[in-house]
Each structure stands twice: as C-alpha cells, then as structure tokens.
Amino acid sequence: MASLTCIDCGRSLIPTARSCLHCSSDDPFGHARRRERLAFIAQVVITVLLILLAIAVNRGWVASAMLDDASRHLL
C-alpha cells in the first residue's frame, strides 16, 4: 500500500489515516482546509457580485436595460 505524508509534520502515513500518529494532526492530508478555503472564496465571490449588482441598480444600469428591452418588444 502506498504511503502519503502528513502536511503538518511531513512523516509518512497510510492513505486511510484519519489523524497523524506522529503530530496528532486531525487533518493530516489537508482535506478540511481545502473545503474551508473554497467556502471562503465562494463567500468572497458572492459578496463582490452582490456589491456590483447594488452599484448597477443604484446607477440605474439594470433599470435602463430592462426599459430598453421592454421598448424593443413594443415596437
């Protein structure tokens, strides 16, 4: 069976290990850290999109685009 290394102490572990026997790391392969980092990035992206949407609504870009579409359908 192939062995992997703990990202905290660098010692080898079996792939099915849930914690490191050497340094007692609860996340020796970094899976939970990756999930937390992706969740944080998703929150940042959503926040930026909401800010951009608020700016667009405040400046009237969204309303004018909707009015332009509505006027095109009337013609």
N, C-alpha and C. Protein backbone atom coordinates (compact mmCIF):
# COMPACT_ATOMS: atom_id res chain seq x y z
N MET A 1 0.84 -1.17 0.00
CA MET A 1 0.00 0.00 0.00
C MET A 1 0.90 1.25 0.00
N ALA A 2 0.55 2.20 -0.81
CA ALA A 2 1.34 3.41 -0.92
C ALA A 2 1.15 4.27 0.32
N SER A 3 2.20 5.00 0.67
CA SER A 3 2.07 5.88 1.84
C SER A 3 2.09 7.33 1.38
N LEU A 4 1.40 8.17 2.13
CA LEU A 4 1.34 9.60 1.87
C LEU A 4 1.99 10.30 3.04
N THR A 5 2.23 11.60 2.92
CA THR A 5 2.86 12.31 4.02
C THR A 5 1.89 13.30 4.66
N CYS A 6 2.08 13.50 5.93
CA CYS A 6 1.29 14.45 6.70
C CYS A 6 1.74 15.86 6.29
N ILE A 7 0.78 16.75 6.07
CA ILE A 7 1.17 18.10 5.64
C ILE A 7 1.69 18.95 6.80
N ASP A 8 1.47 18.50 8.02
CA ASP A 8 1.94 19.24 9.18
C ASP A 8 3.36 18.85 9.60
N CYS A 9 3.64 17.55 9.64
CA CYS A 9 4.97 17.13 10.12
C CYS A 9 5.83 16.48 9.04
N GLY A 10 5.23 16.07 7.90
CA GLY A 10 6.00 15.50 6.80
C GLY A 10 6.29 14.02 6.92
N ARG A 11 5.82 13.38 7.95
CA ARG A 11 6.07 11.95 8.10
C ARG A 11 5.07 11.14 7.29
N SER A 12 5.43 9.92 6.96
CA SER A 12 4.57 9.09 6.12
C SER A 12 3.40 8.50 6.90
N LEU A 13 2.26 8.40 6.21
CA LEU A 13 1.04 7.84 6.76
C LEU A 13 0.40 6.92 5.74
N ILE A 14 -0.44 6.02 6.20
CA ILE A 14 -1.20 5.21 5.26
C ILE A 14 -2.36 6.07 4.73
N PRO A 15 -2.82 5.82 3.51
CA PRO A 15 -3.86 6.68 2.90
C PRO A 15 -5.18 6.71 3.64
N THR A 16 -5.46 5.72 4.49
CA THR A 16 -6.74 5.70 5.20
C THR A 16 -6.66 6.34 6.59
N ALA A 17 -5.54 6.93 6.95
CA ALA A 17 -5.37 7.53 8.28
C ALA A 17 -6.29 8.73 8.45
N ARG A 18 -6.93 8.79 9.60
CA ARG A 18 -7.81 9.93 9.92
C ARG A 18 -7.07 10.99 10.72
N SER A 19 -5.98 10.62 11.34
CA SER A 19 -5.15 11.57 12.07
C SER A 19 -3.70 11.08 12.00
N CYS A 20 -2.79 12.00 12.25
CA CYS A 20 -1.37 11.64 12.21
C CYS A 20 -0.95 11.08 13.57
N LEU A 21 -0.29 9.94 13.56
CA LEU A 21 0.18 9.32 14.80
C LEU A 21 1.37 10.07 15.38
N HIS A 22 2.08 10.82 14.55
CA HIS A 22 3.31 11.48 14.98
C HIS A 22 3.06 12.86 15.60
N CYS A 23 2.20 13.66 14.96
CA CYS A 23 1.98 15.03 15.46
C CYS A 23 0.54 15.27 15.92
N SER A 24 -0.31 14.25 15.84
CA SER A 24 -1.72 14.30 16.28
C SER A 24 -2.57 15.27 15.47
N SER A 25 -2.19 15.54 14.24
CA SER A 25 -2.97 16.42 13.36
C SER A 25 -4.31 15.75 13.04
N ASP A 26 -5.40 16.49 13.18
CA ASP A 26 -6.73 15.96 12.85
C ASP A 26 -6.99 15.97 11.35
N ASP A 27 -6.18 16.70 10.60
CA ASP A 27 -6.35 16.84 9.16
C ASP A 27 -4.99 16.64 8.46
N PRO A 28 -4.46 15.42 8.51
CA PRO A 28 -3.09 15.23 8.01
C PRO A 28 -2.93 15.39 6.50
N PHE A 29 -4.02 15.26 5.74
CA PHE A 29 -3.92 15.38 4.29
C PHE A 29 -4.46 16.71 3.78
N GLY A 30 -5.03 17.55 4.65
CA GLY A 30 -5.48 18.89 4.28
C GLY A 30 -6.85 18.97 3.63
N HIS A 31 -7.67 17.92 3.71
CA HIS A 31 -8.98 17.93 3.05
C HIS A 31 -9.90 18.98 3.66
N ALA A 32 -9.96 19.06 4.98
CA ALA A 32 -10.84 20.04 5.63
C ALA A 32 -10.38 21.46 5.35
N ARG A 33 -9.08 21.67 5.29
CA ARG A 33 -8.55 23.02 4.99
C ARG A 33 -8.92 23.46 3.59
N ARG A 34 -8.89 22.53 2.64
CA ARG A 34 -9.28 22.87 1.26
C ARG A 34 -10.75 23.26 1.20
N ARG A 35 -11.60 22.49 1.89
CA ARG A 35 -13.04 22.81 1.91
C ARG A 35 -13.28 24.18 2.52
N GLU A 36 -12.60 24.49 3.62
CA GLU A 36 -12.75 25.80 4.26
C GLU A 36 -12.29 26.92 3.33
N ARG A 37 -11.19 26.70 2.64
CA ARG A 37 -10.66 27.72 1.72
C ARG A 37 -11.62 27.94 0.55
N LEU A 38 -12.19 26.87 0.01
CA LEU A 38 -13.15 27.01 -1.10
C LEU A 38 -14.42 27.71 -0.64
N ALA A 39 -14.88 27.41 0.57
CA ALA A 39 -16.06 28.08 1.10
C ALA A 39 -15.79 29.57 1.28
N PHE A 40 -14.61 29.93 1.75
CA PHE A 40 -14.24 31.33 1.92
C PHE A 40 -14.20 32.05 0.57
N ILE A 41 -13.60 31.41 -0.43
CA ILE A 41 -13.51 32.01 -1.77
C ILE A 41 -14.91 32.20 -2.35
N ALA A 42 -15.79 31.23 -2.15
CA ALA A 42 -17.17 31.35 -2.63
C ALA A 42 -17.87 32.52 -1.96
N GLN A 43 -17.67 32.71 -0.67
CA GLN A 43 -18.28 33.83 0.04
C GLN A 43 -17.78 35.17 -0.49
N VAL A 44 -16.49 35.25 -0.78
CA VAL A 44 -15.92 36.49 -1.31
C VAL A 44 -16.49 36.79 -2.69
N VAL A 45 -16.58 35.78 -3.54
CA VAL A 45 -17.12 35.98 -4.89
C VAL A 45 -18.58 36.43 -4.83
N ILE A 46 -19.37 35.80 -3.99
CA ILE A 46 -20.78 36.18 -3.87
C ILE A 46 -20.90 37.61 -3.35
N THR A 47 -20.08 37.98 -2.38
CA THR A 47 -20.12 39.33 -1.83
C THR A 47 -19.77 40.36 -2.90
N VAL A 48 -18.74 40.08 -3.68
CA VAL A 48 -18.34 41.01 -4.75
C VAL A 48 -19.45 41.13 -5.79
N LEU A 49 -20.07 40.03 -6.16
CA LEU A 49 -21.17 40.09 -7.13
C LEU A 49 -22.36 40.89 -6.60
N LEU A 50 -22.67 40.71 -5.32
CA LEU A 50 -23.77 41.48 -4.72
C LEU A 50 -23.44 42.98 -4.68
N ILE A 51 -22.20 43.32 -4.39
CA ILE A 51 -21.80 44.73 -4.39
C ILE A 51 -21.91 45.31 -5.80
N LEU A 52 -21.44 44.56 -6.79
CA LEU A 52 -21.54 45.05 -8.17
C LEU A 52 -22.99 45.20 -8.60
N LEU A 53 -23.85 44.28 -8.19
CA LEU A 53 -25.27 44.38 -8.51
C LEU A 53 -25.88 45.61 -7.84
N ALA A 54 -25.52 45.86 -6.59
CA ALA A 54 -26.03 47.04 -5.89
C ALA A 54 -25.58 48.33 -6.58
N ILE A 55 -24.34 48.36 -7.04
CA ILE A 55 -23.84 49.55 -7.75
C ILE A 55 -24.60 49.72 -9.06
N ALA A 56 -24.83 48.63 -9.77
CA ALA A 56 -25.54 48.69 -11.05
C ALA A 56 -26.97 49.17 -10.86
N VAL A 57 -27.64 48.70 -9.83
CA VAL A 57 -29.01 49.12 -9.56
C VAL A 57 -29.03 50.59 -9.15
N ASN A 58 -28.07 50.99 -8.32
CA ASN A 58 -28.00 52.36 -7.84
C ASN A 58 -27.78 53.34 -8.99
N ARG A 59 -27.00 52.96 -9.96
CA ARG A 59 -26.72 53.85 -11.09
C ARG A 59 -27.77 53.76 -12.18
N GLY A 60 -28.69 52.84 -12.04
CA GLY A 60 -29.77 52.73 -12.99
C GLY A 60 -29.46 51.89 -14.20
N TRP A 61 -28.35 51.19 -14.21
CA TRP A 61 -27.99 50.39 -15.37
C TRP A 61 -28.98 49.25 -15.59
N VAL A 62 -29.39 48.62 -14.51
CA VAL A 62 -30.30 47.49 -14.63
C VAL A 62 -31.67 47.97 -15.09
N ALA A 63 -32.16 49.06 -14.50
CA ALA A 63 -33.48 49.57 -14.86
C ALA A 63 -33.50 50.05 -16.31
N SER A 64 -32.45 50.73 -16.75
CA SER A 64 -32.44 51.21 -18.13
C SER A 64 -32.34 50.05 -19.12
N ALA A 65 -31.62 49.02 -18.76
CA ALA A 65 -31.53 47.85 -19.63
C ALA A 65 -32.87 47.15 -19.73
N MET A 66 -33.60 47.09 -18.61
CA MET A 66 -34.92 46.46 -18.63
C MET A 66 -35.89 47.30 -19.46
N LEU A 67 -35.80 48.62 -19.35
CA LEU A 67 -36.68 49.50 -20.12
C LEU A 67 -36.37 49.41 -21.61
N ASP A 68 -35.08 49.31 -21.95
CA ASP A 68 -34.70 49.15 -23.35
C ASP A 68 -35.26 47.87 -23.94
N ASP A 69 -35.19 46.79 -23.18
CA ASP A 69 -35.75 45.51 -23.64
C ASP A 69 -37.26 45.60 -23.81
N ALA A 70 -37.92 46.24 -22.86
CA ALA A 70 -39.39 46.37 -22.93
C ALA A 70 -39.79 47.22 -24.12
N SER A 71 -39.07 48.29 -24.40
CA SER A 71 -39.41 49.16 -25.51
C SER A 71 -39.17 48.46 -26.85
N ARG A 72 -38.20 47.59 -26.92
CA ARG A 72 -37.93 46.85 -28.15
C ARG A 72 -39.08 45.92 -28.48
N HIS A 73 -39.66 45.32 -27.44
CA HIS A 73 -40.77 44.38 -27.65
C HIS A 73 -42.04 45.11 -28.08
N LEU A 74 -42.17 46.37 -27.70
CA LEU A 74 -43.36 47.13 -28.08
C LEU A 74 -43.32 47.57 -29.54
N LEU A 75 -42.13 47.73 -30.07
CA LEU A 75 -42.01 48.21 -31.46
C LEU A 75 -42.24 47.16 -32.47
